[in-house]
Protein backbone atom coordinates (compact mmCIF):
# COMPACT_ATOMS: atom_id res chain seq x y z
CA MET A 1 113.56 110.70 56.32
CA SER A 2 113.19 106.83 56.44
CA GLY A 3 110.71 105.32 58.50
CA THR A 4 109.95 102.34 60.49
CA VAL A 5 106.98 99.91 61.03
CA TYR A 6 107.34 97.80 63.86
CA ILE A 7 105.19 95.34 65.89
CA LEU A 8 105.37 94.79 69.82
CA GLN A 9 103.92 91.61 71.23
CA SER A 10 102.90 91.73 75.28
CA LEU A 11 104.65 89.07 77.09
CA VAL A 12 101.34 89.26 79.69
CA ASN A 13 98.55 88.65 77.24
CA LEU A 14 100.37 88.05 73.89
CA ARG A 15 98.67 90.90 72.19
CA TYR A 16 100.08 93.00 69.36
CA TYR A 17 100.68 96.53 68.90
CA ILE A 18 101.77 98.07 65.58
CA GLY A 19 103.47 101.38 65.24
CA SER A 20 105.64 103.36 62.93
CA THR A 21 108.43 105.96 63.68
CA SER A 22 111.15 108.01 62.03
CA ASP A 23 113.32 107.09 65.29
CA PHE A 24 112.98 103.64 66.20
CA ASN A 25 115.27 103.77 69.13
CA ARG A 26 113.50 106.84 70.71
CA ARG A 27 110.08 105.32 70.20
CA ILE A 28 110.72 102.00 72.02
CA ILE A 29 112.28 104.04 74.87
CA GLU A 30 109.11 105.85 75.23
CA HIS A 31 107.12 102.55 75.17
CA GLN A 32 109.36 101.18 77.60
CA SER A 33 109.02 104.33 79.92
CA GLY A 34 105.46 104.27 79.74
CA LYS A 35 104.72 107.34 77.71
CA SER A 36 102.66 105.65 75.27
CA LYS A 37 99.02 105.11 76.41
CA TYR A 38 98.39 101.68 75.05
CA THR A 39 101.89 100.09 75.41
CA LYS A 40 102.02 100.90 78.99
CA LEU A 41 99.16 98.66 79.51
CA ILE A 42 100.69 95.69 77.84
CA LYS A 43 104.21 95.79 79.42
CA PRO A 44 106.27 93.97 79.52
CA PHE A 45 106.69 93.48 75.78
CA LYS A 46 108.99 92.47 73.00
CA VAL A 47 109.74 93.66 69.39
CA VAL A 48 108.70 90.97 67.24
CA PHE A 49 109.19 92.65 64.00
CA ARG A 50 110.74 95.69 62.48
CA GLN A 51 110.94 96.96 58.75
CA GLU A 52 112.66 99.96 57.49
CA PHE A 53 110.91 101.90 54.57
CA ALA A 54 112.15 104.92 52.24
CA SER A 55 110.02 107.37 54.06
CA ILE A 56 107.95 107.96 57.19
CA ILE A 57 104.87 108.64 54.95
CA GLU A 58 105.24 105.09 53.49
CA ALA A 59 105.68 103.75 56.95
CA ARG A 60 102.66 105.42 58.18
CA ARG A 61 100.70 104.25 55.07
CA ILE A 62 101.52 100.59 55.89
CA GLU A 63 100.70 101.04 59.89
CA TYR A 64 97.31 102.31 58.68
CA LYS A 65 96.74 99.24 56.27
CA LEU A 66 97.86 96.75 58.97
CA LYS A 67 95.63 98.23 61.56
CA LYS A 68 92.82 98.60 59.40
CA LEU A 69 92.99 94.91 58.40
CA LYS A 70 92.67 93.81 62.09
CA SER A 71 94.07 90.24 61.32
CA ARG A 72 96.17 88.37 63.89
CA THR A 73 96.70 85.76 61.12
CA ILE A 74 98.16 88.50 58.89
CA ILE A 75 100.59 89.89 61.57
CA GLU A 76 101.56 86.45 62.64
CA LYS A 77 102.58 85.78 58.90
CA ILE A 78 104.48 89.05 58.63
CA ILE A 79 106.28 88.12 61.77
CA LYS A 80 106.83 84.56 60.50
CA ASP A 81 108.10 85.78 57.03
CA GLY A 82 110.24 88.82 58.31
CA PHE A 83 108.72 91.39 55.82
CA ILE A 84 105.57 93.15 55.07
CA LYS A 85 104.22 92.70 51.42
CA LEU A 86 100.91 94.47 50.76
CA GLY A 87 99.31 95.42 47.78
CA SER A 88 98.92 99.00 46.95
């Protein structure tokens, strides 16, 4: 099963939310309907980045690495470049 890593940006405070899922459309609907604890606090938001991976396991690994970095600079570079490139 493939996986997606995505980045949302709040239109209110410009903060980012990084997530991963095996069903991108379903997950975005959950965010928009307030079913996600954090994103209901940053609504409205826009999807600023999305990248598919071969498996949900790989997508979750990348999500974890990005969250661990806690770097706005790296997140903004990923958005600008349009892809994630992290070392193993």
